[in-house]
């Protein structure tokens, strides 16, 4: 599978939103439809214009993305059929190449994300409450060598 990591373009928005929503529903079953609908608007109107976003493209199709705010990983989402194929690692490697040390927040209930971050080498910094969902969030740090 030949994956190309490239800078996000506005024309990628629908594919990015689709990856975000499908992966969000899989990893966060506790989120309500209303919360997801509002977050989808926020992703399109607030996050995408204000983040450094990179997409993973396979045969001309966007299969996932990573959105960065400095060394903070604001989001990394892949189409579920792309999980476990090294695509998330390629996206994280891009972020790490740009910024070195990285930080991210992940829902404690998100076993998919937690497994990914753990395998990549992220370590726990703190645990706190995510007010909008009432869920616990873990703040993780990756130290570049």
Protein backbone atom coordinates (compact mmCIF):
# COMPACT_ATOMS: atom_id res chain seq x y z
CA UNK A 1 0.00 0.00 0.00
CA UNK A 2 1.69 3.20 -1.21
CA UNK A 3 0.57 6.06 1.02
CA UNK A 4 1.40 9.66 0.31
CA UNK A 5 1.48 12.15 3.20
CA UNK A 6 0.81 15.66 1.97
CA UNK A 7 -0.41 19.04 3.17
CA UNK A 8 -4.19 19.40 3.52
CA UNK A 9 -6.05 21.37 0.84
CA UNK A 10 -9.53 22.88 1.19
CA UNK A 11 -10.75 20.41 -1.45
CA UNK A 12 -9.96 17.61 1.05
CA UNK A 13 -12.55 18.86 3.58
CA UNK A 14 -15.35 16.37 2.79
CA UNK A 15 -12.95 13.39 2.92
CA UNK A 16 -11.39 14.66 6.16
CA UNK A 17 -14.82 15.17 7.76
CA UNK A 18 -15.86 11.68 6.68
CA UNK A 19 -12.71 10.12 8.19
CA UNK A 20 -13.26 12.16 11.35
CA UNK A 21 -16.93 11.16 11.76
CA UNK A 22 -16.57 7.44 10.96
CA UNK A 23 -13.54 7.06 13.25
CA UNK A 24 -15.12 9.21 15.98
CA UNK A 25 -18.25 7.03 16.07
CA UNK A 26 -16.10 3.87 16.25
CA UNK A 27 -13.73 5.10 18.98
CA UNK A 28 -16.19 7.19 21.02
CA UNK A 29 -19.49 5.29 21.37
CA UNK A 30 -20.34 7.47 24.39
CA UNK A 31 -20.69 10.62 22.25
CA UNK A 32 -24.23 11.68 21.39
CA UNK A 33 -25.37 12.36 17.82
CA UNK A 34 -25.95 16.01 18.81
CA UNK A 35 -22.42 16.35 20.20
CA UNK A 36 -20.92 14.77 17.06
CA UNK A 37 -23.02 16.99 14.77
CA UNK A 38 -21.81 20.13 16.59
CA UNK A 39 -18.19 18.94 16.65
CA UNK A 40 -18.33 18.22 12.91
CA UNK A 41 -19.24 21.88 12.32
CA UNK A 42 -16.43 22.93 14.69
CA UNK A 43 -13.93 20.72 12.83
CA UNK A 44 -14.89 22.30 9.50
CA UNK A 45 -15.21 25.92 10.61
CA UNK A 46 -12.79 26.30 13.54
CA UNK A 47 -10.20 23.53 13.62
CA UNK A 48 -9.35 23.01 9.95
CA UNK A 49 -8.65 26.69 9.18
CA UNK A 50 -6.47 27.00 12.31
CA UNK A 51 -4.37 23.84 12.30
CA UNK A 52 -1.42 22.53 10.31
CA UNK A 53 -3.09 19.51 8.76
CA UNK A 54 -1.59 16.66 6.78
CA UNK A 55 -3.53 13.96 4.95
CA UNK A 56 -2.76 10.35 4.12
CA UNK A 57 -3.66 9.70 0.51
CA UNK A 58 -3.96 6.28 -1.12
CA UNK A 59 -4.64 6.00 -4.87
CA UNK A 60 -5.91 9.59 -4.93
CA UNK A 61 -8.25 9.15 -1.95
CA UNK A 62 -7.79 10.77 1.45
CA UNK A 63 -7.88 7.95 4.03
CA UNK A 64 -7.07 9.95 7.15
CA UNK A 65 -5.41 13.03 8.58
CA UNK A 66 -3.46 14.57 11.42
CA UNK A 67 -4.12 18.14 12.60
CA UNK A 68 -1.40 19.93 14.56
CA UNK A 69 -1.33 23.06 16.69
CA UNK A 70 2.40 23.43 17.22
CA UNK A 71 3.55 20.23 18.92
CA UNK A 72 -0.02 19.41 20.03
CA UNK A 73 -1.76 16.65 18.06
CA UNK A 74 -5.26 18.12 17.88
CA UNK A 75 -6.60 15.17 15.90
CA UNK A 76 -5.51 12.02 14.13
CA UNK A 77 -8.25 9.99 12.45
CA UNK A 78 -8.23 7.23 9.85
CA UNK A 79 -10.87 5.34 7.97
CA UNK A 80 -11.40 2.17 10.07
CA UNK A 81 -10.39 -0.11 7.17
CA UNK A 82 -6.96 1.60 7.31
CA UNK A 83 -6.33 0.84 10.99
CA UNK A 84 -3.33 -1.36 11.72
CA UNK A 85 -1.63 -0.71 8.37
CA UNK A 86 1.01 1.78 9.49
CA UNK A 87 -0.81 4.84 8.12
CA UNK A 88 -1.33 6.42 11.53
CA UNK A 89 2.37 5.88 12.24
CA UNK A 90 3.29 7.66 8.98
CA UNK A 91 1.12 10.63 10.00
CA UNK A 92 2.60 10.69 13.51
CA UNK A 93 6.12 10.38 12.07
CA UNK A 94 5.37 13.50 9.98
CA UNK A 95 4.28 15.40 13.12
CA UNK A 96 7.31 14.17 15.05
CA UNK A 97 9.61 15.19 12.18
CA UNK A 98 8.13 18.69 12.23
CA UNK A 99 7.99 19.21 15.99
CA UNK A 100 10.04 16.60 17.88
CA UNK A 101 8.29 16.18 21.24
CA UNK A 102 4.52 15.83 20.89
CA UNK A 103 1.51 16.02 23.22
CA UNK A 104 -2.02 14.74 22.73
CA UNK A 105 -5.25 14.24 24.64
CA UNK A 106 -7.24 11.03 24.27
CA UNK A 107 -10.46 9.88 25.90
CA UNK A 108 -9.78 7.20 28.51
CA UNK A 109 -12.61 5.15 26.93
CA UNK A 110 -10.96 5.32 23.48
CA UNK A 111 -9.14 1.98 23.52
CA UNK A 112 -8.24 2.27 19.82
CA UNK A 113 -6.48 5.61 20.30
CA UNK A 114 -4.87 4.62 23.58
CA UNK A 115 -3.40 1.46 22.04
CA UNK A 116 -2.04 3.46 19.10
CA UNK A 117 -0.43 6.15 21.28
CA UNK A 118 1.05 3.57 23.64
CA UNK A 119 2.62 1.63 20.74
CA UNK A 120 4.03 4.88 19.36
CA UNK A 121 5.72 5.65 22.69
CA UNK A 122 3.47 8.26 24.31
CA UNK A 123 3.43 8.32 28.12
CA UNK A 124 0.82 9.59 30.57
CA UNK A 125 1.16 13.16 31.88
CA UNK A 126 -2.22 13.65 33.56
CA UNK A 127 -5.87 12.61 33.67
CA UNK A 128 -8.72 15.12 33.80
CA UNK A 129 -12.42 15.55 33.16
CA UNK A 130 -13.69 16.56 29.70
CA UNK A 131 -16.62 18.77 30.77
CA UNK A 132 -18.74 18.61 27.55
CA UNK A 133 -18.94 14.79 27.62
CA UNK A 134 -18.38 14.02 31.32
CA UNK A 135 -15.64 11.60 30.24
CA UNK A 136 -12.08 11.28 31.53
CA UNK A 137 -9.31 12.49 29.20
CA UNK A 138 -5.67 11.45 29.31
CA UNK A 139 -2.94 13.92 28.40
CA UNK A 140 0.02 12.10 26.87
CA UNK A 141 3.54 13.14 25.87
CA UNK A 142 5.96 11.73 23.33
CA UNK A 143 9.63 12.55 23.91
CA UNK A 144 11.70 12.55 20.73
CA UNK A 145 15.11 10.91 21.09
